[in-house]
Amino acid sequence: MLMFLFLVVALAVVVAAVTLAVVGGGESTPLPEAAPERFDDPLPPDRPVGRDDVEALRFPLAVRGYRMADVDDALGRLGAEIAERDARISDLEAALAGARAAGPTGDERAEGDPQ
C-alpha cells in the first residue's frame, strides 16, 4: 500500500511539473501585440483602373482566407469604375447614333459636291 501511495504522489508531482512548464510559472511577460496585416490599396486613385492593376491586386491572408472587408472594398471600387465606364460608353454610343441620324453636315456635303 505504501508503494502505491508513493507512485500516486510521484505521478502528481510529474503532472504538476509538466503543467507548470507548459503554462509558465507565474512570471509571465506578455507577448507583444502583432500588428494586423493591413491591405494597402494598390488601385490607382488618380487614374482609371486598368487590366494590369487588377492582375496585380493581391490580398493579405487572414485566418480563414482573406479579410472580407478588404475584398468588399476592392470589388466595390471596381464595380463603380465599371459602371462609370459603361455609362460613358452608352453616352458616346448614343451621341454617335444621333450624329449619324442627323446626316452629313454642310462641310461634309461641300466636300462631296464637285461644284
PDB file of N, CA and C in Angstrom:
ATOM      1  N   MET A   1       0.814  -1.182   0.000  1.00  0.00           N
ATOM      2  CA  MET A   1       0.000   0.000   0.000  1.00  0.00           C
ATOM      3  C   MET A   1       0.864   1.254   0.000  1.00  0.00           C
ATOM      4  N   LEU A   2       1.984   1.199   0.713  1.00  0.00           N
ATOM      5  CA  LEU A   2       2.889   2.343   0.779  1.00  0.00           C
ATOM      6  C   LEU A   2       3.501   2.628  -0.597  1.00  0.00           C
ATOM      7  N   MET A   3       3.783   1.604  -1.346  1.00  0.00           N
ATOM      8  CA  MET A   3       4.342   1.758  -2.699  1.00  0.00           C
ATOM      9  C   MET A   3       3.322   2.420  -3.625  1.00  0.00           C
ATOM     10  N   PHE A   4       2.061   2.027  -3.494  1.00  0.00           N
ATOM     11  CA  PHE A   4       1.001   2.629  -4.307  1.00  0.00           C
ATOM     12  C   PHE A   4       0.857   4.113  -3.990  1.00  0.00           C
ATOM     13  N   LEU A   5       0.894   4.469  -2.741  1.00  0.00           N
ATOM     14  CA  LEU A   5       0.803   5.864  -2.318  1.00  0.00           C
ATOM     15  C   LEU A   5       1.995   6.673  -2.854  1.00  0.00           C
ATOM     16  N   PHE A   6       3.186   6.074  -2.810  1.00  0.00           N
ATOM     17  CA  PHE A   6       4.375   6.737  -3.344  1.00  0.00           C
ATOM     18  C   PHE A   6       4.229   6.983  -4.845  1.00  0.00           C
ATOM     19  N   LEU A   7       3.720   6.022  -5.589  1.00  0.00           N
ATOM     20  CA  LEU A   7       3.541   6.183  -7.036  1.00  0.00           C
ATOM     21  C   LEU A   7       2.505   7.268  -7.360  1.00  0.00           C
ATOM     22  N   VAL A   8       1.430   7.363  -6.589  1.00  0.00           N
ATOM     23  CA  VAL A   8       0.410   8.382  -6.803  1.00  0.00           C
ATOM     24  C   VAL A   8       0.993   9.772  -6.567  1.00  0.00           C
ATOM     25  N   VAL A   9       1.779   9.928  -5.486  1.00  0.00           N
ATOM     26  CA  VAL A   9       2.401  11.222  -5.175  1.00  0.00           C
ATOM     27  C   VAL A   9       3.416  11.581  -6.261  1.00  0.00           C
ATOM     28  N   ALA A  10       4.219  10.626  -6.688  1.00  0.00           N
ATOM     29  CA  ALA A  10       5.210  10.883  -7.735  1.00  0.00           C
ATOM     30  C   ALA A  10       4.515  11.276  -9.038  1.00  0.00           C
ATOM     31  N   LEU A  11       3.438  10.633  -9.368  1.00  0.00           N
ATOM     32  CA  LEU A  11       2.684  10.963 -10.569  1.00  0.00           C
ATOM     33  C   LEU A  11       2.101  12.372 -10.468  1.00  0.00           C
ATOM     34  N   ALA A  12       1.613  12.748  -9.316  1.00  0.00           N
ATOM     35  CA  ALA A  12       1.066  14.093  -9.114  1.00  0.00           C
ATOM     36  C   ALA A  12       2.155  15.139  -9.261  1.00  0.00           C
ATOM     37  N   VAL A  13       3.342  14.865  -8.752  1.00  0.00           N
ATOM     38  CA  VAL A  13       4.466  15.808  -8.890  1.00  0.00           C
ATOM     39  C   VAL A  13       4.860  15.951 -10.345  1.00  0.00           C
ATOM     40  N   VAL A  14       4.902  14.866 -11.077  1.00  0.00           N
ATOM     41  CA  VAL A  14       5.260  14.920 -12.503  1.00  0.00           C
ATOM     42  C   VAL A  14       4.209  15.703 -13.291  1.00  0.00           C
ATOM     43  N   VAL A  15       2.949  15.466 -13.035  1.00  0.00           N
ATOM     44  CA  VAL A  15       1.872  16.191 -13.724  1.00  0.00           C
ATOM     45  C   VAL A  15       1.943  17.680 -13.402  1.00  0.00           C
ATOM     46  N   ALA A  16       2.211  18.021 -12.138  1.00  0.00           N
ATOM     47  CA  ALA A  16       2.319  19.421 -11.744  1.00  0.00           C
ATOM     48  C   ALA A  16       3.514  20.081 -12.425  1.00  0.00           C
ATOM     49  N   ALA A  17       4.637  19.390 -12.496  1.00  0.00           N
ATOM     50  CA  ALA A  17       5.831  19.945 -13.130  1.00  0.00           C
ATOM     51  C   ALA A  17       5.596  20.172 -14.624  1.00  0.00           C
ATOM     52  N   VAL A  18       4.970  19.237 -15.292  1.00  0.00           N
ATOM     53  CA  VAL A  18       4.673  19.389 -16.720  1.00  0.00           C
ATOM     54  C   VAL A  18       3.696  20.540 -16.940  1.00  0.00           C
ATOM     55  N   THR A  19       2.696  20.653 -16.090  1.00  0.00           N
ATOM     56  CA  THR A  19       1.714  21.739 -16.207  1.00  0.00           C
ATOM     57  C   THR A  19       2.386  23.093 -16.029  1.00  0.00           C
ATOM     58  N   LEU A  20       3.253  23.229 -15.042  1.00  0.00           N
ATOM     59  CA  LEU A  20       3.964  24.484 -14.835  1.00  0.00           C
ATOM     60  C   LEU A  20       4.900  24.797 -16.000  1.00  0.00           C
ATOM     61  N   ALA A  21       5.511  23.789 -16.557  1.00  0.00           N
ATOM     62  CA  ALA A  21       6.411  24.014 -17.685  1.00  0.00           C
ATOM     63  C   ALA A  21       5.642  24.492 -18.915  1.00  0.00           C
ATOM     64  N   VAL A  22       4.462  23.940 -19.144  1.00  0.00           N
ATOM     65  CA  VAL A  22       3.659  24.315 -20.302  1.00  0.00           C
ATOM     66  C   VAL A  22       3.012  25.672 -20.114  1.00  0.00           C
ATOM     67  N   VAL A  23       2.384  25.879 -18.974  1.00  0.00           N
ATOM     68  CA  VAL A  23       1.646  27.113 -18.714  1.00  0.00           C
ATOM     69  C   VAL A  23       2.590  28.245 -18.355  1.00  0.00           C
ATOM     70  N   GLY A  24       3.613  27.973 -17.654  1.00  0.00           N
ATOM     71  CA  GLY A  24       4.520  29.008 -17.183  1.00  0.00           C
ATOM     72  C   GLY A  24       4.388  29.122 -15.688  1.00  0.00           C
ATOM     73  N   GLY A  25       5.418  29.636 -15.095  1.00  0.00           N
ATOM     74  CA  GLY A  25       5.441  29.643 -13.637  1.00  0.00           C
ATOM     75  C   GLY A  25       5.230  31.000 -13.016  1.00  0.00           C
ATOM     76  N   GLY A  26       4.178  31.660 -13.241  1.00  0.00           N
ATOM     77  CA  GLY A  26       3.868  32.900 -12.550  1.00  0.00           C
ATOM     78  C   GLY A  26       4.514  34.130 -13.150  1.00  0.00           C
ATOM     79  N   GLU A  27       5.768  34.079 -13.512  1.00  0.00           N
ATOM     80  CA  GLU A  27       6.474  35.200 -14.125  1.00  0.00           C
ATOM     81  C   GLU A  27       6.140  35.218 -15.616  1.00  0.00           C
ATOM     82  N   SER A  28       5.053  35.881 -15.934  1.00  0.00           N
ATOM     83  CA  SER A  28       4.647  35.880 -17.340  1.00  0.00           C
ATOM     84  C   SER A  28       4.884  37.258 -17.940  1.00  0.00           C
ATOM     85  N   THR A  29       5.590  37.285 -19.040  1.00  0.00           N
ATOM     86  CA  THR A  29       5.763  38.519 -19.787  1.00  0.00           C
ATOM     87  C   THR A  29       4.852  38.415 -21.005  1.00  0.00           C
ATOM     88  N   PRO A  30       3.950  39.359 -21.163  1.00  0.00           N
ATOM     89  CA  PRO A  30       3.017  39.255 -22.290  1.00  0.00           C
ATOM     90  C   PRO A  30       3.740  39.399 -23.620  1.00  0.00           C
ATOM     91  N   LEU A  31       3.280  38.637 -24.555  1.00  0.00           N
ATOM     92  CA  LEU A  31       3.840  38.732 -25.899  1.00  0.00           C
ATOM     93  C   LEU A  31       3.440  40.066 -26.516  1.00  0.00           C
ATOM     94  N   PRO A  32       4.318  40.640 -27.302  1.00  0.00           N
ATOM     95  CA  PRO A  32       3.941  41.895 -27.957  1.00  0.00           C
ATOM     96  C   PRO A  32       2.792  41.666 -28.933  1.00  0.00           C
ATOM     97  N   GLU A  33       1.934  42.635 -29.007  1.00  0.00           N
ATOM     98  CA  GLU A  33       0.770  42.539 -29.896  1.00  0.00           C
ATOM     99  C   GLU A  33       1.248  42.558 -31.353  1.00  0.00           C
ATOM    100  N   ALA A  34       0.841  41.573 -32.096  1.00  0.00           N
ATOM    101  CA  ALA A  34       1.222  41.505 -33.510  1.00  0.00           C
ATOM    102  C   ALA A  34       0.397  42.510 -34.298  1.00  0.00           C
ATOM    103  N   ALA A  35       1.072  43.221 -35.142  1.00  0.00           N
ATOM    104  CA  ALA A  35       0.366  44.196 -35.974  1.00  0.00           C
ATOM    105  C   ALA A  35      -0.442  43.442 -37.021  1.00  0.00           C
ATOM    106  N   PRO A  36      -1.725  43.754 -37.152  1.00  0.00           N
ATOM    107  CA  PRO A  36      -2.518  43.052 -38.162  1.00  0.00           C
ATOM    108  C   PRO A  36      -2.034  43.426 -39.560  1.00  0.00           C
ATOM    109  N   GLU A  37      -2.057  42.446 -40.413  1.00  0.00           N
ATOM    110  CA  GLU A  37      -1.643  42.685 -41.792  1.00  0.00           C
ATOM    111  C   GLU A  37      -2.752  43.469 -42.481  1.00  0.00           C
ATOM    112  N   ARG A  38      -2.446  44.687 -42.873  1.00  0.00           N
ATOM    113  CA  ARG A  38      -3.454  45.563 -43.472  1.00  0.00           C
ATOM    114  C   ARG A  38      -3.287  45.594 -44.982  1.00  0.00           C
ATOM    115  N   PHE A  39      -4.396  45.823 -45.614  1.00  0.00           N
ATOM    116  CA  PHE A  39      -4.455  45.886 -47.064  1.00  0.00           C
ATOM    117  C   PHE A  39      -4.085  47.286 -47.522  1.00  0.00           C
ATOM    118  N   ASP A  40      -3.005  47.403 -48.269  1.00  0.00           N
ATOM    119  CA  ASP A  40      -2.642  48.671 -48.891  1.00  0.00           C
ATOM    120  C   ASP A  40      -3.251  48.662 -50.281  1.00  0.00           C
ATOM    121  N   ASP A  41      -4.237  49.507 -50.479  1.00  0.00           N
ATOM    122  CA  ASP A  41      -4.986  49.528 -51.733  1.00  0.00           C
ATOM    123  C   ASP A  41      -4.059  49.903 -52.889  1.00  0.00           C
ATOM    124  N   PRO A  42      -3.707  48.940 -53.757  1.00  0.00           N
ATOM    125  CA  PRO A  42      -2.810  49.243 -54.866  1.00  0.00           C
ATOM    126  C   PRO A  42      -3.539  49.834 -56.068  1.00  0.00           C
ATOM    127  N   LEU A  43      -4.855  49.943 -55.987  1.00  0.00           N
ATOM    128  CA  LEU A  43      -5.597  50.503 -57.110  1.00  0.00           C
ATOM    129  C   LEU A  43      -5.317  51.995 -57.187  1.00  0.00           C
ATOM    130  N   PRO A  44      -5.021  52.505 -58.385  1.00  0.00           N
ATOM    131  CA  PRO A  44      -4.613  53.904 -58.518  1.00  0.00           C
ATOM    132  C   PRO A  44      -5.761  54.867 -58.226  1.00  0.00           C
ATOM    133  N   PRO A  45      -5.537  55.851 -57.352  1.00  0.00           N
ATOM    134  CA  PRO A  45      -6.603  56.807 -57.048  1.00  0.00           C
ATOM    135  C   PRO A  45      -6.706  57.932 -58.079  1.00  0.00           C
ATOM    136  N   ASP A  46      -5.651  58.134 -58.869  1.00  0.00           N
ATOM    137  CA  ASP A  46      -5.592  59.292 -59.751  1.00  0.00           C
ATOM    138  C   ASP A  46      -5.846  58.980 -61.223  1.00  0.00           C
ATOM    139  N   ARG A  47      -6.155  57.723 -61.535  1.00  0.00           N
ATOM    140  CA  ARG A  47      -6.435  57.348 -62.923  1.00  0.00           C
ATOM    141  C   ARG A  47      -7.372  56.146 -62.920  1.00  0.00           C
ATOM    142  N   PRO A  48      -7.981  55.871 -64.060  1.00  0.00           N
ATOM    143  CA  PRO A  48      -8.862  54.686 -64.117  1.00  0.00           C
ATOM    144  C   PRO A  48      -8.080  53.390 -63.893  1.00  0.00           C
ATOM    145  N   VAL A  49      -8.748  52.426 -63.331  1.00  0.00           N
ATOM    146  CA  VAL A  49      -8.141  51.124 -63.079  1.00  0.00           C
ATOM    147  C   VAL A  49      -8.001  50.382 -64.396  1.00  0.00           C
ATOM    148  N   GLY A  50      -6.838  49.824 -64.623  1.00  0.00           N
ATOM    149  CA  GLY A  50      -6.583  49.064 -65.846  1.00  0.00           C
ATOM    150  C   GLY A  50      -6.440  47.581 -65.571  1.00  0.00           C
ATOM    151  N   ARG A  51      -6.273  46.839 -66.645  1.00  0.00           N
ATOM    152  CA  ARG A  51      -6.146  45.386 -66.532  1.00  0.00           C
ATOM    153  C   ARG A  51      -4.936  44.996 -65.686  1.00  0.00           C
ATOM    154  N   ASP A  52      -3.813  45.676 -65.874  1.00  0.00           N
ATOM    155  CA  ASP A  52      -2.609  45.361 -65.101  1.00  0.00           C
ATOM    156  C   ASP A  52      -2.826  45.588 -63.609  1.00  0.00           C
ATOM    157  N   ASP A  53      -3.605  46.622 -63.269  1.00  0.00           N
ATOM    158  CA  ASP A  53      -3.894  46.899 -61.859  1.00  0.00           C
ATOM    159  C   ASP A  53      -4.689  45.757 -61.235  1.00  0.00           C
ATOM    160  N   VAL A  54      -5.657  45.249 -61.970  1.00  0.00           N
ATOM    161  CA  VAL A  54      -6.483  44.150 -61.451  1.00  0.00           C
ATOM    162  C   VAL A  54      -5.653  42.879 -61.336  1.00  0.00           C
ATOM    163  N   GLU A  55      -4.793  42.620 -62.318  1.00  0.00           N
ATOM    164  CA  GLU A  55      -3.962  41.416 -62.260  1.00  0.00           C
ATOM    165  C   GLU A  55      -2.942  41.483 -61.132  1.00  0.00           C
ATOM    166  N   ALA A  56      -2.502  42.686 -60.765  1.00  0.00           N
ATOM    167  CA  ALA A  56      -1.519  42.843 -59.697  1.00  0.00           C
ATOM    168  C   ALA A  56      -2.162  42.878 -58.316  1.00  0.00           C
ATOM    169  N   LEU A  57      -3.473  42.897 -58.244  1.00  0.00           N
ATOM    170  CA  LEU A  57      -4.187  43.001 -56.973  1.00  0.00           C
ATOM    171  C   LEU A  57      -4.005  41.724 -56.158  1.00  0.00           C
ATOM    172  N   ARG A  58      -3.440  41.846 -54.980  1.00  0.00           N
ATOM    173  CA  ARG A  58      -3.244  40.712 -54.071  1.00  0.00           C
ATOM    174  C   ARG A  58      -3.733  41.121 -52.687  1.00  0.00           C
ATOM    175  N   PHE A  59      -4.445  40.225 -52.030  1.00  0.00           N
ATOM    176  CA  PHE A  59      -4.970  40.488 -50.705  1.00  0.00           C
ATOM    177  C   PHE A  59      -4.136  39.739 -49.675  1.00  0.00           C
ATOM    178  N   PRO A  60      -3.915  40.344 -48.495  1.00  0.00           N
ATOM    179  CA  PRO A  60      -3.195  39.620 -47.447  1.00  0.00           C
ATOM    180  C   PRO A  60      -4.058  38.488 -46.897  1.00  0.00           C
ATOM    181  N   LEU A  61      -3.412  37.415 -46.515  1.00  0.00           N
ATOM    182  CA  LEU A  61      -4.134  36.269 -45.973  1.00  0.00           C
ATOM    183  C   LEU A  61      -4.548  36.541 -44.532  1.00  0.00           C
ATOM    184  N   ALA A  62      -5.706  36.051 -44.190  1.00  0.00           N
ATOM    185  CA  ALA A  62      -6.213  36.133 -42.821  1.00  0.00           C
ATOM    186  C   ALA A  62      -6.365  34.708 -42.301  1.00  0.00           C
ATOM    187  N   VAL A  63      -6.921  34.571 -41.116  1.00  0.00           N
ATOM    188  CA  VAL A  63      -7.038  33.252 -40.502  1.00  0.00           C
ATOM    189  C   VAL A  63      -7.840  32.299 -41.373  1.00  0.00           C
ATOM    190  N   ARG A  64      -8.933  32.788 -41.945  1.00  0.00           N
ATOM    191  CA  ARG A  64      -9.787  31.906 -42.745  1.00  0.00           C
ATOM    192  C   ARG A  64      -9.849  32.376 -44.187  1.00  0.00           C
ATOM    193  N   GLY A  65      -8.729  32.716 -44.781  1.00  0.00           N
ATOM    194  CA  GLY A  65      -8.709  33.144 -46.175  1.00  0.00           C
ATOM    195  C   GLY A  65      -8.297  34.588 -46.288  1.00  0.00           C
ATOM    196  N   TYR A  66      -9.200  35.439 -46.773  1.00  0.00           N
ATOM    197  CA  TYR A  66      -8.930  36.858 -46.943  1.00  0.00           C
ATOM    198  C   TYR A  66      -9.882  37.655 -46.064  1.00  0.00           C
ATOM    199  N   ARG A  67      -9.477  38.870 -45.708  1.00  0.00           N
ATOM    200  CA  ARG A  67     -10.361  39.736 -44.930  1.00  0.00           C
ATOM    201  C   ARG A  67     -11.490  40.201 -45.833  1.00  0.00           C
ATOM    202  N   MET A  68     -12.695  39.911 -45.435  1.00  0.00           N
ATOM    203  CA  MET A  68     -13.856  40.226 -46.263  1.00  0.00           C
ATOM    204  C   MET A  68     -13.967  41.716 -46.540  1.00  0.00           C
ATOM    205  N   ALA A  69     -13.627  42.548 -45.583  1.00  0.00           N
ATOM    206  CA  ALA A  69     -13.738  43.997 -45.773  1.00  0.00           C
ATOM    207  C   ALA A  69     -12.812  44.476 -46.880  1.00  0.00           C
ATOM    208  N   ASP A  70     -11.585  43.916 -46.939  1.00  0.00           N
ATOM    209  CA  ASP A  70     -10.644  44.309 -47.994  1.00  0.00           C
ATOM    210  C   ASP A  70     -11.166  43.910 -49.367  1.00  0.00           C
ATOM    211  N   VAL A  71     -11.668  42.689 -49.465  1.00  0.00           N
ATOM    212  CA  VAL A  71     -12.185  42.200 -50.746  1.00  0.00           C
ATOM    213  C   VAL A  71     -13.427  42.996 -51.153  1.00  0.00           C
ATOM    214  N   ASP A  72     -14.315  43.259 -50.188  1.00  0.00           N
ATOM    215  CA  ASP A  72     -15.520  44.027 -50.493  1.00  0.00           C
ATOM    216  C   ASP A  72     -15.181  45.443 -50.964  1.00  0.00           C
ATOM    217  N   ASP A  73     -14.196  46.079 -50.330  1.00  0.00           N
ATOM    218  CA  ASP A  73     -13.793  47.424 -50.747  1.00  0.00           C
ATOM    219  C   ASP A  73     -13.256  47.424 -52.174  1.00  0.00           C
ATOM    220  N   ALA A  74     -12.388  46.476 -52.472  1.00  0.00           N
ATOM    221  CA  ALA A  74     -11.809  46.414 -53.813  1.00  0.00           C
ATOM    222  C   ALA A  74     -12.875  46.110 -54.860  1.00  0.00           C
ATOM    223  N   LEU A  75     -13.759  45.161 -54.565  1.00  0.00           N
ATOM    224  CA  LEU A  75     -14.816  44.831 -55.518  1.00  0.00           C
ATOM    225  C   LEU A  75     -15.790  45.991 -55.700  1.00  0.00           C
ATOM    226  N   GLY A  76     -16.085  46.711 -54.622  1.00  0.00           N
ATOM    227  CA  GLY A  76     -16.954  47.883 -54.735  1.00  0.00           C
ATOM    228  C   GLY A  76     -16.348  48.954 -55.610  1.00  0.00           C
ATOM    229  N   ARG A  77     -15.052  49.172 -55.434  1.00  0.00           N
ATOM    230  CA  ARG A  77     -14.374  50.182 -56.264  1.00  0.00           C
ATOM    231  C   ARG A  77     -14.345  49.760 -57.722  1.00  0.00           C
ATOM    232  N   LEU A  78     -14.029  48.512 -57.981  1.00  0.00           N
ATOM    233  CA  LEU A  78     -14.011  48.026 -59.365  1.00  0.00           C
ATOM    234  C   LEU A  78     -15.400  48.080 -59.983  1.00  0.00           C
ATOM    235  N   GLY A  79     -16.420  47.729 -59.216  1.00  0.00           N
ATOM    236  CA  GLY A  79     -17.790  47.787 -59.722  1.00  0.00           C
ATOM    237  C   GLY A  79     -18.202  49.204 -60.068  1.00  0.00           C
ATOM    238  N   ALA A  80     -17.826  50.167 -59.237  1.00  0.00           N
ATOM    239  CA  ALA A  80     -18.164  51.570 -59.509  1.00  0.00           C
ATOM    240  C   ALA A  80     -17.465  52.057 -60.773  1.00  0.00           C
ATOM    241  N   GLU A  81     -16.202  51.686 -60.951  1.00  0.00           N
ATOM    242  CA  GLU A  81     -15.485  52.117 -62.156  1.00  0.00           C
ATOM    243  C   GLU A  81     -16.064  51.472 -63.408  1.00  0.00           C
ATOM    244  N   ILE A  82     -16.452  50.214 -63.318  1.00  0.00           N
ATOM    245  CA  ILE A  82     -17.053  49.547 -64.480  1.00  0.00           C
ATOM    246  C   ILE A  82     -18.394  50.195 -64.818  1.00  0.00           C
ATOM    247  N   ALA A  83     -19.199  50.517 -63.805  1.00  0.00           N
ATOM    248  CA  ALA A  83     -20.483  51.174 -64.049  1.00  0.00           C
ATOM    249  C   ALA A  83     -20.271  52.551 -64.686  1.00  0.00           C
ATOM    250  N   GLU A  84     -19.248  53.270 -64.219  1.00  0.00           N
ATOM    251  CA  GLU A  84     -18.948  54.588 -64.795  1.00  0.00           C
ATOM    252  C   GLU A  84     -18.526  54.452 -66.260  1.00  0.00           C
ATOM    253  N   ARG A  85     -17.705  53.471 -66.554  1.00  0.00           N
ATOM    254  CA  ARG A  85     -17.272  53.248 -67.944  1.00  0.00           C
ATOM    255  C   ARG A  85     -18.448  52.835 -68.825  1.00  0.00           C
ATOM    256  N   ASP A  86     -19.314  51.969 -68.300  1.00  0.00           N
ATOM    257  CA  ASP A  86     -20.484  51.555 -69.078  1.00  0.00           C
ATOM    258  C   ASP A  86     -21.383  52.742 -69.394  1.00  0.00           C
ATOM    259  N   ALA A  87     -21.567  53.628 -68.420  1.00  0.00           N
ATOM    260  CA  ALA A  87     -22.394  54.822 -68.652  1.00  0.00           C
ATOM    261  C   ALA A  87     -21.744  55.729 -69.692  1.00  0.00           C
ATOM    262  N   ARG A  88     -20.444  55.888 -69.622  1.00  0.00           N
ATOM    263  CA  ARG A  88     -19.718  56.730 -70.590  1.00  0.00           C
ATOM    264  C   ARG A  88     -19.812  56.128 -71.992  1.00  0.00           C
ATOM    265  N   ILE A  89     -19.640  54.831 -72.098  1.00  0.00           N
ATOM    266  CA  ILE A  89     -19.752  54.158 -73.404  1.00  0.00           C
ATOM    267  C   ILE A  89     -21.164  54.323 -73.955  1.00  0.00           C
ATOM    268  N   SER A  90     -22.165  54.162 -73.109  1.00  0.00           N
ATOM    269  CA  SER A  90     -23.550  54.316 -73.539  1.00  0.00           C
ATOM    270  C   SER A  90     -23.815  55.737 -74.036  1.00  0.00           C
ATOM    271  N   ASP A  91     -23.297  56.743 -73.315  1.00  0.00           N
ATOM    272  CA  ASP A  91     -23.461  58.137 -73.750  1.00  0.00           C
ATOM    273  C   ASP A  91     -22.785  58.385 -75.096  1.00  0.00           C
ATOM    274  N   LEU A  92     -21.594  57.868 -75.271  1.00  0.00           N
ATOM    275  CA  LEU A  92     -20.861  58.070 -76.531  1.00  0.00           C
ATOM    276  C   LEU A  92     -21.552  57.353 -77.695  1.00  0.00           C
ATOM    277  N   GLU A  93     -22.078  56.155 -77.436  1.00  0.00           N
ATOM    278  CA  GLU A  93     -22.799  55.434 -78.493  1.00  0.00           C
ATOM    279  C   GLU A  93     -24.076  56.170 -78.883  1.00  0.00           C
ATOM    280  N   ALA A  94     -24.767  56.736 -77.891  1.00  0.00           N
ATOM    281  CA  ALA A  94     -25.984  57.494 -78.188  1.00  0.00           C
ATOM    282  C   ALA A  94     -25.645  58.758 -78.980  1.00  0.00           C
ATOM    283  N   ALA A  95     -24.560  59.428 -78.625  1.00  0.00           N
ATOM    284  CA  ALA A  95     -24.142  60.632 -79.361  1.00  0.00           C
ATOM    285  C   ALA A  95     -23.752  60.278 -80.791  1.00  0.00           C
ATOM    286  N   LEU A  96     -23.074  59.175 -80.962  1.00  0.00           N
ATOM    287  CA  LEU A  96     -22.681  58.745 -82.305  1.00  0.00           C
ATOM    288  C   LEU A  96     -23.900  58.384 -83.138  1.00  0.00           C
ATOM    289  N   ALA A  97     -24.855  57.675 -82.544  1.00  0.00           N
ATOM    290  CA  ALA A  97     -26.076  57.315 -83.266  1.00  0.00           C
ATOM    291  C   ALA A  97     -26.858  58.572 -83.646  1.00  0.00           C
ATOM    292  N   GLY A  98     -26.894  59.564 -82.755  1.00  0.00           N
ATOM    293  CA  GLY A  98     -27.570  60.822 -83.049  1.00  0.00           C
ATOM    294  C   GLY A  98     -26.891  61.573 -84.167  1.00  0.00           C
ATOM    295  N   ALA A  99     -25.571  61.562 -84.182  1.00  0.00           N
ATOM    296  CA  ALA A  99     -24.826  62.250 -85.241  1.00  0.00           C
ATOM    297  C   ALA A  99     -25.034  61.552 -86.583  1.00  0.00           C
ATOM    298  N   ARG A 100     -25.091  60.248 -86.577  1.00  0.00           N
ATOM    299  CA  ARG A 100     -25.316  59.515 -87.836  1.00  0.00           C
ATOM    300  C   ARG A 100     -26.740  59.739 -88.349  1.00  0.00           C
ATOM    301  N   ALA A 101     -27.693  59.827 -87.440  1.00  0.00           N
ATOM    302  CA  ALA A 101     -29.088  60.025 -87.836  1.00  0.00           C
ATOM    303  C   ALA A 101     -29.317  61.426 -88.382  1.00  0.00           C
ATOM    304  N   ALA A 102     -28.564  62.399 -87.897  1.00  0.00           N
ATOM    305  CA  ALA A 102     -28.721  63.777 -88.358  1.00  0.00           C
ATOM    306  C   ALA A 102     -28.230  63.947 -89.788  1.00  0.00           C
ATOM    307  N   GLY A 103     -27.452  63.041 -90.263  1.00  0.00           N
ATOM    308  CA  GLY A 103     -26.949  63.125 -91.631  1.00  0.00           C
ATOM    309  C   GLY A 103     -25.675  63.944 -91.714  1.00  0.00           C
ATOM    310  N   PRO A 104     -25.130  64.087 -92.907  1.00  0.00           N
ATOM    311  CA  PRO A 104     -23.880  64.820 -93.075  1.00  0.00           C
ATOM    312  C   PRO A 104     -24.090  66.313 -92.839  1.00  0.00           C
ATOM    313  N   THR A 105     -23.079  66.970 -92.304  1.00  0.00           N
ATOM    314  CA  THR A 105     -23.139  68.414 -92.070  1.00  0.00           C
ATOM    315  C   THR A 105     -22.859  69.155 -93.361  1.00  0.00           C
ATOM    316  N   GLY A 106     -22.989  70.467 -93.339  1.00  0.00           N
ATOM    317  CA  GLY A 106     -22.747  71.277 -94.535  1.00  0.00           C
ATOM    318  C   GLY A 106     -21.334  71.122 -95.053  1.00  0.00           C
ATOM    319  N   ASP A 107     -20.353  71.020 -94.187  1.00  0.00           N
ATOM    320  CA  ASP A 107     -18.962  70.855 -94.604  1.00  0.00           C
ATOM    321  C   ASP A 107     -18.755  69.533 -95.334  1.00  0.00           C
ATOM    322  N   GLU A 108     -19.422  68.475 -94.823  1.00  0.00           N
ATOM    323  CA  GLU A 108     -19.260  67.160 -95.449  1.00  0.00           C
ATOM    324  C   GLU A 108     -19.936  67.146 -96.825  1.00  0.00           C
ATOM    325  N   ARG A 109     -21.078  67.878 -97.012  1.00  0.00           N
ATOM    326  CA  ARG A 109     -21.721  67.931 -98.308  1.00  0.00           C
ATOM    327  C   ARG A 109     -20.869  68.710 -99.308  1.00  0.00           C
ATOM    328  N   ALA A 110     -20.213  69.759 -98.829  1.00  0.00           N
ATOM    329  CA  ALA A 110     -19.377  70.586 -99.711  1.00  0.00           C
ATOM    330  C   ALA A 110     -18.199  69.786-100.225  1.00  0.00           C
ATOM    331  N   GLU A 111     -17.648  68.892 -99.383  1.00  0.00           N
ATOM    332  CA  GLU A 111     -16.524  68.094 -99.817  1.00  0.00           C
ATOM    333  C   GLU A 111     -16.949  67.075-100.862  1.00  0.00           C
ATOM    334  N   GLY A 112     -18.167  66.581-100.777  1.00  0.00           N
ATOM    335  CA  GLY A 112     -18.639  65.573-101.704  1.00  0.00           C
ATOM    336  C   GLY A 112     -19.122  66.161-103.029  1.00  0.00           C
ATOM    337  N   ASP A 113     -19.553  67.449-103.080  1.00  0.00           N
ATOM    338  CA  ASP A 113     -20.054  68.068-104.314  1.00  0.00           C
ATOM    339  C   ASP A 113     -18.880  68.615-105.143  1.00  0.00           C
ATOM    340  N   PRO A 114     -18.851  68.316-106.455  1.00  0.00           N
ATOM    341  CA  PRO A 114     -17.754  68.784-107.281  1.00  0.00           C
ATOM    342  C   PRO A 114     -18.022  70.181-107.875  1.00  0.00           C
ATOM    343  N   GLN A 115     -18.673  71.058-107.207  1.00  0.00           N
ATOM    344  CA  GLN A 115     -19.006  72.369-107.758  1.00  0.00           C
ATOM    345  C   GLN A 115     -17.826  73.185-107.985  1.00  0.00           C
TER     346      GLN A 115
END
